[in-house]
N, C-alpha and C. Protein backbone atom coordinates (compact mmCIF):
# COMPACT_ATOMS: atom_id res chain seq x y z
N MET A 1 55.82 36.30 253.36
CA MET A 1 56.27 35.80 252.07
C MET A 1 56.12 36.90 251.03
N THR A 2 57.17 37.12 250.24
CA THR A 2 57.14 38.15 249.22
C THR A 2 56.56 37.59 247.93
N PRO A 3 55.54 38.25 247.38
CA PRO A 3 54.96 37.75 246.13
C PRO A 3 55.92 38.00 244.96
N PHE A 4 55.77 37.18 243.93
CA PHE A 4 56.57 37.38 242.73
C PHE A 4 56.17 38.68 242.06
N ARG A 5 57.14 39.29 241.39
CA ARG A 5 56.83 40.51 240.66
C ARG A 5 55.88 40.19 239.52
N LYS A 6 54.80 40.89 239.45
CA LYS A 6 53.82 40.65 238.39
C LYS A 6 54.19 41.38 237.11
N SER A 7 55.09 42.37 237.21
CA SER A 7 55.44 43.15 236.04
C SER A 7 56.59 42.53 235.24
N ALA A 8 57.12 41.41 235.69
CA ALA A 8 58.23 40.78 234.98
C ALA A 8 57.78 40.32 233.60
N VAL A 9 58.63 40.56 232.61
CA VAL A 9 58.34 40.17 231.24
C VAL A 9 58.75 38.71 231.06
N ARG A 10 57.84 37.92 230.53
CA ARG A 10 58.15 36.51 230.27
C ARG A 10 58.86 36.41 228.93
N LEU A 11 59.91 35.63 228.90
CA LEU A 11 60.65 35.42 227.67
C LEU A 11 59.95 34.40 226.80
N THR A 12 60.09 34.57 225.50
CA THR A 12 59.61 33.54 224.58
C THR A 12 60.50 32.32 224.76
N PRO A 13 60.04 31.15 224.35
CA PRO A 13 60.90 29.97 224.47
C PRO A 13 62.24 30.15 223.72
N ALA A 14 62.21 30.77 222.56
CA ALA A 14 63.45 30.98 221.80
C ALA A 14 64.40 31.92 222.54
N ALA A 15 63.87 33.00 223.11
CA ALA A 15 64.70 33.95 223.85
C ALA A 15 65.28 33.29 225.10
N ALA A 16 64.48 32.50 225.79
CA ALA A 16 64.95 31.80 226.99
C ALA A 16 66.06 30.81 226.63
N ARG A 17 65.92 30.13 225.51
CA ARG A 17 66.94 29.18 225.07
C ARG A 17 68.24 29.92 224.72
N ARG A 18 68.12 31.04 224.00
CA ARG A 18 69.32 31.83 223.68
C ARG A 18 70.01 32.31 224.96
N GLN A 19 69.21 32.80 225.90
CA GLN A 19 69.76 33.30 227.17
C GLN A 19 70.50 32.18 227.91
N GLY A 20 69.87 31.03 228.02
CA GLY A 20 70.49 29.91 228.72
C GLY A 20 71.75 29.42 228.04
N ASP A 21 71.70 29.27 226.72
CA ASP A 21 72.87 28.79 225.97
C ASP A 21 74.04 29.75 226.09
N ALA A 22 73.79 31.05 225.92
CA ALA A 22 74.85 32.05 225.98
C ALA A 22 75.42 32.15 227.39
N THR A 23 74.57 32.05 228.39
CA THR A 23 75.04 32.13 229.77
C THR A 23 75.90 30.92 230.12
N ARG A 24 75.49 29.74 229.68
CA ARG A 24 76.30 28.53 229.91
C ARG A 24 77.66 28.66 229.24
N LEU A 25 77.67 29.16 228.00
CA LEU A 25 78.94 29.34 227.29
C LEU A 25 79.83 30.33 228.04
N ALA A 26 79.25 31.44 228.49
CA ALA A 26 80.03 32.43 229.24
C ALA A 26 80.61 31.81 230.50
N MET A 27 79.85 30.97 231.17
CA MET A 27 80.35 30.33 232.39
C MET A 27 81.49 29.36 232.09
N LEU A 28 81.41 28.66 230.97
CA LEU A 28 82.49 27.75 230.58
C LEU A 28 83.76 28.53 230.25
N VAL A 29 83.61 29.64 229.56
CA VAL A 29 84.76 30.43 229.12
C VAL A 29 85.36 31.24 230.27
N LEU A 30 84.49 31.86 231.07
CA LEU A 30 84.94 32.84 232.06
C LEU A 30 84.90 32.39 233.51
N GLY A 31 84.12 31.37 233.80
CA GLY A 31 83.84 31.02 235.19
C GLY A 31 82.58 31.74 235.64
N ARG A 32 81.99 31.27 236.71
CA ARG A 32 80.68 31.74 237.14
C ARG A 32 80.61 33.24 237.40
N GLU A 33 81.43 33.74 238.28
CA GLU A 33 81.34 35.15 238.69
C GLU A 33 81.66 36.10 237.54
N ALA A 34 82.72 35.79 236.79
CA ALA A 34 83.09 36.65 235.66
C ALA A 34 82.01 36.60 234.58
N ALA A 35 81.38 35.44 234.39
CA ALA A 35 80.32 35.32 233.40
C ALA A 35 79.12 36.18 233.78
N ILE A 36 78.76 36.16 235.05
CA ILE A 36 77.64 36.99 235.52
C ILE A 36 77.95 38.46 235.26
N SER A 37 79.16 38.87 235.57
CA SER A 37 79.56 40.26 235.32
C SER A 37 79.54 40.58 233.84
N PHE A 38 80.13 39.71 233.03
CA PHE A 38 80.18 39.93 231.59
C PHE A 38 78.78 40.05 230.99
N MET A 39 77.90 39.14 231.33
CA MET A 39 76.57 39.12 230.73
C MET A 39 75.71 40.31 231.15
N ASN A 40 75.96 40.87 232.32
CA ASN A 40 75.10 41.93 232.85
C ASN A 40 75.66 43.34 232.74
N ALA A 41 76.93 43.47 232.41
CA ALA A 41 77.55 44.80 232.33
C ALA A 41 77.42 45.36 230.92
N PRO A 42 77.20 46.66 230.79
CA PRO A 42 77.19 47.27 229.45
C PRO A 42 78.52 47.02 228.75
N ASN A 43 78.45 46.69 227.48
CA ASN A 43 79.65 46.40 226.70
C ASN A 43 79.65 47.31 225.48
N ASP A 44 80.53 48.30 225.47
CA ASP A 44 80.57 49.27 224.37
C ASP A 44 80.85 48.61 223.03
N LYS A 45 81.73 47.62 223.01
CA LYS A 45 82.07 46.94 221.75
C LYS A 45 80.84 46.24 221.16
N LEU A 46 80.01 45.67 222.02
CA LEU A 46 78.81 44.96 221.56
C LEU A 46 77.62 45.89 221.37
N GLY A 47 77.66 47.05 221.99
CA GLY A 47 76.56 48.00 221.86
C GLY A 47 75.43 47.78 222.85
N GLY A 48 75.72 47.15 223.98
CA GLY A 48 74.70 46.93 225.00
C GLY A 48 75.12 45.84 225.96
N ARG A 49 74.20 45.49 226.85
CA ARG A 49 74.48 44.39 227.78
C ARG A 49 74.34 43.07 227.04
N PRO A 50 75.32 42.19 227.12
CA PRO A 50 75.24 40.92 226.42
C PRO A 50 73.94 40.15 226.70
N ILE A 51 73.48 40.15 227.93
CA ILE A 51 72.25 39.42 228.25
C ILE A 51 71.06 39.96 227.46
N ASP A 52 70.99 41.28 227.30
CA ASP A 52 69.90 41.88 226.53
C ASP A 52 70.02 41.53 225.05
N LEU A 53 71.24 41.53 224.55
CA LEU A 53 71.46 41.23 223.13
C LEU A 53 71.05 39.81 222.79
N VAL A 54 71.41 38.84 223.64
CA VAL A 54 71.05 37.45 223.33
C VAL A 54 69.55 37.22 223.45
N ILE A 55 68.91 37.92 224.37
CA ILE A 55 67.46 37.78 224.51
C ILE A 55 66.76 38.38 223.29
N GLU A 56 67.30 39.47 222.78
CA GLU A 56 66.67 40.21 221.69
C GLU A 56 66.63 39.46 220.37
N SER A 57 67.75 38.79 220.00
CA SER A 57 67.78 38.19 218.66
C SER A 57 68.91 37.18 218.50
N GLU A 58 68.81 36.42 217.41
CA GLU A 58 69.88 35.49 217.03
C GLU A 58 71.15 36.27 216.67
N GLU A 59 70.97 37.43 216.07
CA GLU A 59 72.12 38.26 215.72
C GLU A 59 72.87 38.70 216.98
N GLY A 60 72.13 39.06 218.01
CA GLY A 60 72.73 39.42 219.28
C GLY A 60 73.46 38.25 219.90
N ARG A 61 72.85 37.09 219.80
CA ARG A 61 73.50 35.88 220.33
C ARG A 61 74.82 35.65 219.61
N ALA A 62 74.83 35.81 218.28
CA ALA A 62 76.05 35.62 217.50
C ALA A 62 77.14 36.62 217.91
N LEU A 63 76.75 37.86 218.17
CA LEU A 63 77.71 38.88 218.62
C LEU A 63 78.34 38.48 219.95
N VAL A 64 77.51 38.06 220.89
CA VAL A 64 78.00 37.69 222.21
C VAL A 64 78.87 36.44 222.13
N GLU A 65 78.45 35.46 221.37
CA GLU A 65 79.27 34.25 221.23
C GLU A 65 80.60 34.58 220.57
N GLY A 66 80.60 35.51 219.61
CA GLY A 66 81.84 35.94 218.98
C GLY A 66 82.78 36.61 219.97
N ALA A 67 82.21 37.45 220.83
CA ALA A 67 83.03 38.12 221.86
C ALA A 67 83.62 37.09 222.82
N LEU A 68 82.85 36.09 223.19
CA LEU A 68 83.36 35.04 224.07
C LEU A 68 84.44 34.22 223.38
N ALA A 69 84.29 33.97 222.08
CA ALA A 69 85.31 33.24 221.33
C ALA A 69 86.61 34.03 221.29
N GLU A 70 86.51 35.36 221.14
CA GLU A 70 87.70 36.20 221.15
C GLU A 70 88.42 36.14 222.50
N ILE A 71 87.63 36.05 223.56
CA ILE A 71 88.22 35.95 224.90
C ILE A 71 88.90 34.59 225.07
N GLN A 72 88.22 33.54 224.60
CA GLN A 72 88.75 32.19 224.78
C GLN A 72 89.93 31.91 223.86
N TYR A 73 89.88 32.44 222.64
CA TYR A 73 90.92 32.17 221.64
C TYR A 73 91.48 33.47 221.09
N PRO A 74 92.19 34.26 221.91
CA PRO A 74 92.68 35.57 221.44
C PRO A 74 93.66 35.45 220.28
N GLU A 75 94.36 34.33 220.17
CA GLU A 75 95.32 34.15 219.07
C GLU A 75 94.62 34.02 217.72
N ALA A 76 93.33 33.72 217.71
CA ALA A 76 92.59 33.58 216.46
C ALA A 76 92.06 34.92 215.93
N VAL A 77 92.16 35.95 216.75
CA VAL A 77 91.65 37.28 216.35
C VAL A 77 92.75 38.00 215.58
N PRO A 78 92.42 38.49 214.36
CA PRO A 78 93.44 39.22 213.58
C PRO A 78 93.93 40.45 214.34
N VAL A 79 95.22 40.69 214.25
CA VAL A 79 95.84 41.84 214.91
C VAL A 79 95.61 43.07 214.05
N LYS A 80 95.11 44.14 214.66
CA LYS A 80 94.90 45.40 213.94
C LYS A 80 96.17 46.22 214.03
N GLU A 81 96.64 46.67 212.89
CA GLU A 81 97.87 47.46 212.87
C GLU A 81 97.59 48.92 212.65
């Protein structure tokens, strides 16, 4: 039996809630596999991995939710000329 990693950082309740909420939203918008990729891949537009951003702060959560809204509702995003 493999022991659990002892060096794993425990999330605060607020960080865990942000992570869960953002991940659920990503899964609704993108589907399971695409959501896992989106949340874990570096995103230049966001300035980091979405999962790290949502864990870090409410501001990060807002950035990630905004990016998901742009994916879900591209017609609502102003066109840059």
